[in-house]
PDB file of all heavy atoms in Angstrom:
ATOM      1  N   VAL A   1      42.950 224.308-204.694  1.00  0.00           N
ATOM      2  CA  VAL A   1      42.206 225.554-204.641  1.00  0.00           C
ATOM      3  C   VAL A   1      41.167 225.446-203.535  1.00  0.00           C
ATOM      4  O   VAL A   1      40.343 224.519-203.536  1.00  0.00           O
ATOM      5  CB  VAL A   1      41.521 225.855-205.976  1.00  0.00           C
ATOM      6  CG1 VAL A   1      40.622 227.076-205.854  1.00  0.00           C
ATOM      7  CG2 VAL A   1      42.577 226.072-207.056  1.00  0.00           C
ATOM      8  N   GLN A   2      41.199 226.363-202.617  1.00  0.00           N
ATOM      9  CA  GLN A   2      40.212 226.327-201.561  1.00  0.00           C
ATOM     10  C   GLN A   2      40.028 227.690-200.918  1.00  0.00           C
ATOM     11  O   GLN A   2      40.893 228.563-200.993  1.00  0.00           O
ATOM     12  CB  GLN A   2      40.568 225.299-200.485  1.00  0.00           C
ATOM     13  CG  GLN A   2      41.861 225.577-199.736  1.00  0.00           C
ATOM     14  CD  GLN A   2      42.135 224.522-198.678  1.00  0.00           C
ATOM     15  OE1 GLN A   2      41.653 223.389-198.759  1.00  0.00           O
ATOM     16  NE2 GLN A   2      42.912 224.881-197.673  1.00  0.00           N
ATOM     17  N   LEU A   3      38.880 227.839-200.292  1.00  0.00           N
ATOM     18  CA  LEU A   3      38.562 228.974-199.447  1.00  0.00           C
ATOM     19  C   LEU A   3      38.257 228.436-198.061  1.00  0.00           C
ATOM     20  O   LEU A   3      37.546 227.438-197.925  1.00  0.00           O
ATOM     21  CB  LEU A   3      37.347 229.734-199.972  1.00  0.00           C
ATOM     22  CG  LEU A   3      37.443 230.328-201.375  1.00  0.00           C
ATOM     23  CD1 LEU A   3      36.081 230.854-201.808  1.00  0.00           C
ATOM     24  CD2 LEU A   3      38.479 231.436-201.415  1.00  0.00           C
ATOM     25  N   VAL A   4      38.778 229.094-197.052  1.00  0.00           N
ATOM     26  CA  VAL A   4      38.575 228.648-195.683  1.00  0.00           C
ATOM     27  C   VAL A   4      38.026 229.797-194.863  1.00  0.00           C
ATOM     28  O   VAL A   4      38.663 230.843-194.745  1.00  0.00           O
ATOM     29  CB  VAL A   4      39.876 228.127-195.054  1.00  0.00           C
ATOM     30  CG1 VAL A   4      39.631 227.708-193.609  1.00  0.00           C
ATOM     31  CG2 VAL A   4      40.424 226.957-195.854  1.00  0.00           C
ATOM     32  N   GLU A   5      36.851 229.584-194.289  1.00  0.00           N
ATOM     33  CA  GLU A   5      36.222 230.582-193.440  1.00  0.00           C
ATOM     34  C   GLU A   5      36.681 230.413-191.994  1.00  0.00           C
ATOM     35  O   GLU A   5      36.966 229.301-191.547  1.00  0.00           O
ATOM     36  CB  GLU A   5      34.697 230.465-193.489  1.00  0.00           C
ATOM     37  CG  GLU A   5      34.089 230.633-194.877  1.00  0.00           C
ATOM     38  CD  GLU A   5      33.863 229.313-195.582  1.00  0.00           C
ATOM     39  OE1 GLU A   5      34.507 228.306-195.203  1.00  0.00           O
ATOM     40  OE2 GLU A   5      33.033 229.284-196.517  1.00  0.00           O
ATOM     41  N   SER A   6      36.710 231.517-191.280  1.00  0.00           N
ATOM     42  CA  SER A   6      36.980 231.480-189.856  1.00  0.00           C
ATOM     43  C   SER A   6      36.239 232.631-189.192  1.00  0.00           C
ATOM     44  O   SER A   6      35.777 233.553-189.858  1.00  0.00           O
ATOM     45  CB  SER A   6      38.479 231.563-189.561  1.00  0.00           C
ATOM     46  OG  SER A   6      39.027 232.785-190.013  1.00  0.00           O
ATOM     47  N   GLY A   7      36.143 232.578-187.883  1.00  0.00           N
ATOM     48  CA  GLY A   7      35.527 233.650-187.121  1.00  0.00           C
ATOM     49  C   GLY A   7      34.111 233.376-186.667  1.00  0.00           C
ATOM     50  O   GLY A   7      33.516 234.207-185.971  1.00  0.00           O
ATOM     51  N   GLY A   8      33.550 232.245-187.034  1.00  0.00           N
ATOM     52  CA  GLY A   8      32.212 231.912-186.593  1.00  0.00           C
ATOM     53  C   GLY A   8      32.187 231.609-185.106  1.00  0.00           C
ATOM     54  O   GLY A   8      33.162 231.114-184.537  1.00  0.00           O
ATOM     55  N   ASP A   9      31.056 231.894-184.492  1.00  0.00           N
ATOM     56  CA  ASP A   9      30.937 231.700-183.059  1.00  0.00           C
ATOM     57  C   ASP A   9      29.469 231.762-182.679  1.00  0.00           C
ATOM     58  O   ASP A   9      28.592 231.939-183.527  1.00  0.00           O
ATOM     59  CB  ASP A   9      31.728 232.778-182.309  1.00  0.00           C
ATOM     60  CG  ASP A   9      32.195 232.342-180.940  1.00  0.00           C
ATOM     61  OD1 ASP A   9      31.713 231.308-180.429  1.00  0.00           O
ATOM     62  OD2 ASP A   9      33.058 233.040-180.361  1.00  0.00           O
ATOM     63  N   SER A  10      29.231 231.610-181.402  1.00  0.00           N
ATOM     64  CA  SER A  10      27.904 231.779-180.833  1.00  0.00           C
ATOM     65  C   SER A  10      27.889 233.071-180.037  1.00  0.00           C
ATOM     66  O   SER A  10      28.730 233.270-179.154  1.00  0.00           O
ATOM     67  CB  SER A  10      27.557 230.587-179.941  1.00  0.00           C
ATOM     68  OG  SER A  10      26.277 230.737-179.374  1.00  0.00           O
ATOM     69  N   VAL A  11      26.955 233.961-180.360  1.00  0.00           N
ATOM     70  CA  VAL A  11      26.882 235.266-179.708  1.00  0.00           C
ATOM     71  C   VAL A  11      25.444 235.584-179.347  1.00  0.00           C
ATOM     72  O   VAL A  11      24.499 234.983-179.860  1.00  0.00           O
ATOM     73  CB  VAL A  11      27.445 236.396-180.591  1.00  0.00           C
ATOM     74  CG1 VAL A  11      28.913 236.160-180.899  1.00  0.00           C
ATOM     75  CG2 VAL A  11      26.638 236.517-181.877  1.00  0.00           C
ATOM     76  N   GLN A  12      25.285 236.550-178.463  1.00  0.00           N
ATOM     77  CA  GLN A  12      23.958 237.030-178.094  1.00  0.00           C
ATOM     78  C   GLN A  12      23.452 238.045-179.110  1.00  0.00           C
ATOM     79  O   GLN A  12      24.240 238.671-179.819  1.00  0.00           O
ATOM     80  CB  GLN A  12      23.999 237.667-176.707  1.00  0.00           C
ATOM     81  CG  GLN A  12      24.314 236.693-175.592  1.00  0.00           C
ATOM     82  CD  GLN A  12      24.253 237.338-174.225  1.00  0.00           C
ATOM     83  OE1 GLN A  12      23.965 238.524-174.088  1.00  0.00           O
ATOM     84  NE2 GLN A  12      24.520 236.553-173.195  1.00  0.00           N
ATOM     85  N   PRO A  13      22.142 238.208-179.194  1.00  0.00           N
ATOM     86  CA  PRO A  13      21.614 239.263-180.063  1.00  0.00           C
ATOM     87  C   PRO A  13      22.241 240.611-179.745  1.00  0.00           C
ATOM     88  O   PRO A  13      22.443 240.962-178.586  1.00  0.00           O
ATOM     89  CB  PRO A  13      20.118 239.253-179.752  1.00  0.00           C
ATOM     90  CG  PRO A  13      19.843 237.854-179.310  1.00  0.00           C
ATOM     91  CD  PRO A  13      21.073 237.435-178.547  1.00  0.00           C
ATOM     92  N   GLY A  14      22.542 241.358-180.789  1.00  0.00           N
ATOM     93  CA  GLY A  14      23.210 242.635-180.636  1.00  0.00           C
ATOM     94  C   GLY A  14      24.716 242.550-180.693  1.00  0.00           C
ATOM     95  O   GLY A  14      25.391 243.584-180.779  1.00  0.00           O
ATOM     96  N   GLY A  15      25.243 241.356-180.654  1.00  0.00           N
ATOM     97  CA  GLY A  15      26.676 241.164-180.706  1.00  0.00           C
ATOM     98  C   GLY A  15      27.232 241.285-182.107  1.00  0.00           C
ATOM     99  O   GLY A  15      26.502 241.477-183.079  1.00  0.00           O
ATOM    100  N   SER A  16      28.544 241.161-182.202  1.00  0.00           N
ATOM    101  CA  SER A  16      29.242 241.304-183.473  1.00  0.00           C
ATOM    102  C   SER A  16      30.197 240.149-183.698  1.00  0.00           C
ATOM    103  O   SER A  16      30.730 239.566-182.752  1.00  0.00           O
ATOM    104  CB  SER A  16      30.036 242.614-183.509  1.00  0.00           C
ATOM    105  OG  SER A  16      29.198 243.743-183.422  1.00  0.00           O
ATOM    106  N   LEU A  17      30.408 239.849-184.951  1.00  0.00           N
ATOM    107  CA  LEU A  17      31.400 238.879-185.363  1.00  0.00           C
ATOM    108  C   LEU A  17      32.057 239.371-186.640  1.00  0.00           C
ATOM    109  O   LEU A  17      31.437 240.100-187.417  1.00  0.00           O
ATOM    110  CB  LEU A  17      30.784 237.510-185.631  1.00  0.00           C
ATOM    111  CG  LEU A  17      30.307 236.678-184.451  1.00  0.00           C
ATOM    112  CD1 LEU A  17      29.547 235.455-184.958  1.00  0.00           C
ATOM    113  CD2 LEU A  17      31.475 236.246-183.583  1.00  0.00           C
ATOM    114  N   ARG A  18      33.280 238.946-186.845  1.00  0.00           N
ATOM    115  CA  ARG A  18      33.957 239.210-188.094  1.00  0.00           C
ATOM    116  C   ARG A  18      34.396 237.891-188.705  1.00  0.00           C
ATOM    117  O   ARG A  18      35.208 237.172-188.118  1.00  0.00           O
ATOM    118  CB  ARG A  18      35.176 240.107-187.896  1.00  0.00           C
ATOM    119  CG  ARG A  18      35.780 240.614-189.213  1.00  0.00           C
ATOM    120  CD  ARG A  18      37.138 241.237-188.999  1.00  0.00           C
ATOM    121  NE  ARG A  18      37.541 242.064-190.123  1.00  0.00           N
ATOM    122  CZ  ARG A  18      38.793 242.433-190.381  1.00  0.00           C
ATOM    123  NH1 ARG A  18      39.777 242.053-189.558  1.00  0.00           N
ATOM    124  NH2 ARG A  18      39.065 243.193-191.426  1.00  0.00           N
ATOM    125  N   LEU A  19      33.852 237.581-189.856  1.00  0.00           N
ATOM    126  CA  LEU A  19      34.239 236.386-190.577  1.00  0.00           C
ATOM    127  C   LEU A  19      35.367 236.698-191.546  1.00  0.00           C
ATOM    128  O   LEU A  19      35.403 237.766-192.153  1.00  0.00           O
ATOM    129  CB  LEU A  19      33.056 235.818-191.353  1.00  0.00           C
ATOM    130  CG  LEU A  19      31.800 235.471-190.555  1.00  0.00           C
ATOM    131  CD1 LEU A  19      30.758 234.850-191.475  1.00  0.00           C
ATOM    132  CD2 LEU A  19      32.123 234.544-189.396  1.00  0.00           C
ATOM    133  N   SER A  20      36.271 235.760-191.689  1.00  0.00           N
ATOM    134  CA  SER A  20      37.350 235.865-192.659  1.00  0.00           C
ATOM    135  C   SER A  20      37.259 234.712-193.639  1.00  0.00           C
ATOM    136  O   SER A  20      36.801 233.623-193.296  1.00  0.00           O
ATOM    137  CB  SER A  20      38.716 235.839-191.970  1.00  0.00           C
ATOM    138  OG  SER A  20      38.877 236.934-191.100  1.00  0.00           O
ATOM    139  N   CYS A  21      37.712 234.964-194.836  1.00  0.00           N
ATOM    140  CA  CYS A  21      37.727 233.958-195.892  1.00  0.00           C
ATOM    141  C   CYS A  21      39.075 234.039-196.578  1.00  0.00           C
ATOM    142  O   CYS A  21      39.349 234.994-197.315  1.00  0.00           O
ATOM    143  CB  CYS A  21      36.586 234.225-196.873  1.00  0.00           C
ATOM    144  SG  CYS A  21      36.602 233.211-198.358  1.00  0.00           S
ATOM    145  N   VAL A  22      39.916 233.064-196.327  1.00  0.00           N
ATOM    146  CA  VAL A  22      41.267 233.054-196.872  1.00  0.00           C
ATOM    147  C   VAL A  22      41.333 232.100-198.057  1.00  0.00           C
ATOM    148  O   VAL A  22      40.977 230.925-197.936  1.00  0.00           O
ATOM    149  CB  VAL A  22      42.300 232.639-195.814  1.00  0.00           C
ATOM    150  CG1 VAL A  22      43.699 232.636-196.416  1.00  0.00           C
ATOM    151  CG2 VAL A  22      42.244 233.583-194.624  1.00  0.00           C
ATOM    152  N   ALA A  23      41.802 232.607-199.176  1.00  0.00           N
ATOM    153  CA  ALA A  23      41.938 231.801-200.375  1.00  0.00           C
ATOM    154  C   ALA A  23      43.341 231.223-200.470  1.00  0.00           C
ATOM    155  O   ALA A  23      44.325 231.871-200.114  1.00  0.00           O
ATOM    156  CB  ALA A  23      41.642 232.636-201.616  1.00  0.00           C
ATOM    157  N   SER A  24      43.420 230.013-200.960  1.00  0.00           N
ATOM    158  CA  SER A  24      44.707 229.399-201.246  1.00  0.00           C
ATOM    159  C   SER A  24      44.608 228.644-202.561  1.00  0.00           C
ATOM    160  O   SER A  24      43.537 228.191-202.951  1.00  0.00           O
ATOM    161  CB  SER A  24      45.154 228.465-200.117  1.00  0.00           C
ATOM    162  OG  SER A  24      44.232 227.409-199.928  1.00  0.00           O
ATOM    163  N   GLY A  25      45.735 228.533-203.231  1.00  0.00           N
ATOM    164  CA  GLY A  25      45.753 227.872-204.520  1.00  0.00           C
ATOM    165  C   GLY A  25      45.398 228.772-205.689  1.00  0.00           C
ATOM    166  O   GLY A  25      45.526 228.352-206.848  1.00  0.00           O
ATOM    167  N   PHE A  26      44.950 229.964-205.399  1.00  0.00           N
ATOM    168  CA  PHE A  26      44.677 230.969-206.409  1.00  0.00           C
ATOM    169  C   PHE A  26      44.678 232.326-205.735  1.00  0.00           C
ATOM    170  O   PHE A  26      44.619 232.412-204.505  1.00  0.00           O
ATOM    171  CB  PHE A  26      43.355 230.709-207.135  1.00  0.00           C
ATOM    172  CG  PHE A  26      42.135 231.053-206.329  1.00  0.00           C
ATOM    173  CD1 PHE A  26      41.348 232.144-206.666  1.00  0.00           C
ATOM    174  CD2 PHE A  26      41.760 230.279-205.241  1.00  0.00           C
ATOM    175  CE1 PHE A  26      40.210 232.452-205.938  1.00  0.00           C
ATOM    176  CE2 PHE A  26      40.636 230.580-204.504  1.00  0.00           C
ATOM    177  CZ  PHE A  26      39.856 231.668-204.859  1.00  0.00           C
ATOM    178  N   THR A  27      44.736 233.365-206.515  1.00  0.00           N
ATOM    179  CA  THR A  27      44.658 234.718-205.982  1.00  0.00           C
ATOM    180  C   THR A  27      43.277 235.282-206.275  1.00  0.00           C
ATOM    181  O   THR A  27      42.717 235.071-207.351  1.00  0.00           O
ATOM    182  CB  THR A  27      45.736 235.634-206.576  1.00  0.00           C
ATOM    183  OG1 THR A  27      45.604 235.680-208.000  1.00  0.00           O
ATOM    184  CG2 THR A  27      47.115 235.119-206.223  1.00  0.00           C
ATOM    185  N   VAL A  28      42.746 235.997-205.314  1.00  0.00           N
ATOM    186  CA  VAL A  28      41.375 236.488-205.437  1.00  0.00           C
ATOM    187  C   VAL A  28      41.295 237.861-206.080  1.00  0.00           C
ATOM    188  O   VAL A  28      40.200 238.411-206.207  1.00  0.00           O
ATOM    189  CB  VAL A  28      40.674 236.523-204.065  1.00  0.00           C
ATOM    190  CG1 VAL A  28      40.576 235.130-203.485  1.00  0.00           C
ATOM    191  CG2 VAL A  28      41.399 237.471-203.105  1.00  0.00           C
ATOM    192  N   ASN A  29      42.417 238.406-206.503  1.00  0.00           N
ATOM    193  CA  ASN A  29      42.454 239.778-207.002  1.00  0.00           C
ATOM    194  C   ASN A  29      41.396 240.070-208.058  1.00  0.00           C
ATOM    195  O   ASN A  29      40.788 241.145-208.053  1.00  0.00           O
ATOM    196  CB  ASN A  29      43.824 240.103-207.582  1.00  0.00           C
ATOM    197  CG  ASN A  29      44.942 240.036-206.564  1.00  0.00           C
ATOM    198  OD1 ASN A  29      44.962 239.168-205.694  1.00  0.00           O
ATOM    199  ND2 ASN A  29      45.892 240.949-206.690  1.00  0.00           N
ATOM    200  N   TYR A  30      41.196 239.126-208.973  1.00  0.00           N
ATOM    201  CA  TYR A  30      40.291 239.355-210.092  1.00  0.00           C
ATOM    202  C   TYR A  30      38.892 238.802-209.853  1.00  0.00           C
ATOM    203  O   TYR A  30      38.050 238.855-210.753  1.00  0.00           O
ATOM    204  CB  TYR A  30      40.860 238.740-211.365  1.00  0.00           C
ATOM    205  CG  TYR A  30      42.199 239.314-211.788  1.00  0.00           C
ATOM    206  CD1 TYR A  30      43.138 238.521-212.436  1.00  0.00           C
ATOM    207  CD2 TYR A  30      42.518 240.641-211.546  1.00  0.00           C
ATOM    208  CE1 TYR A  30      44.364 239.035-212.828  1.00  0.00           C
ATOM    209  CE2 TYR A  30      43.740 241.164-211.931  1.00  0.00           C
ATOM    210  CZ  TYR A  30      44.659 240.358-212.574  1.00  0.00           C
ATOM    211  OH  TYR A  30      45.873 240.881-212.963  1.00  0.00           O
TER     212      TYR A  30
END
């Protein structure tokens, strides 16, 4: 069972990022 984040980075103020969190070993539905 794990969650793995991705999408982190270094950005300038005013910038945007989108983080993702993918679950494995279980379903996050509930």
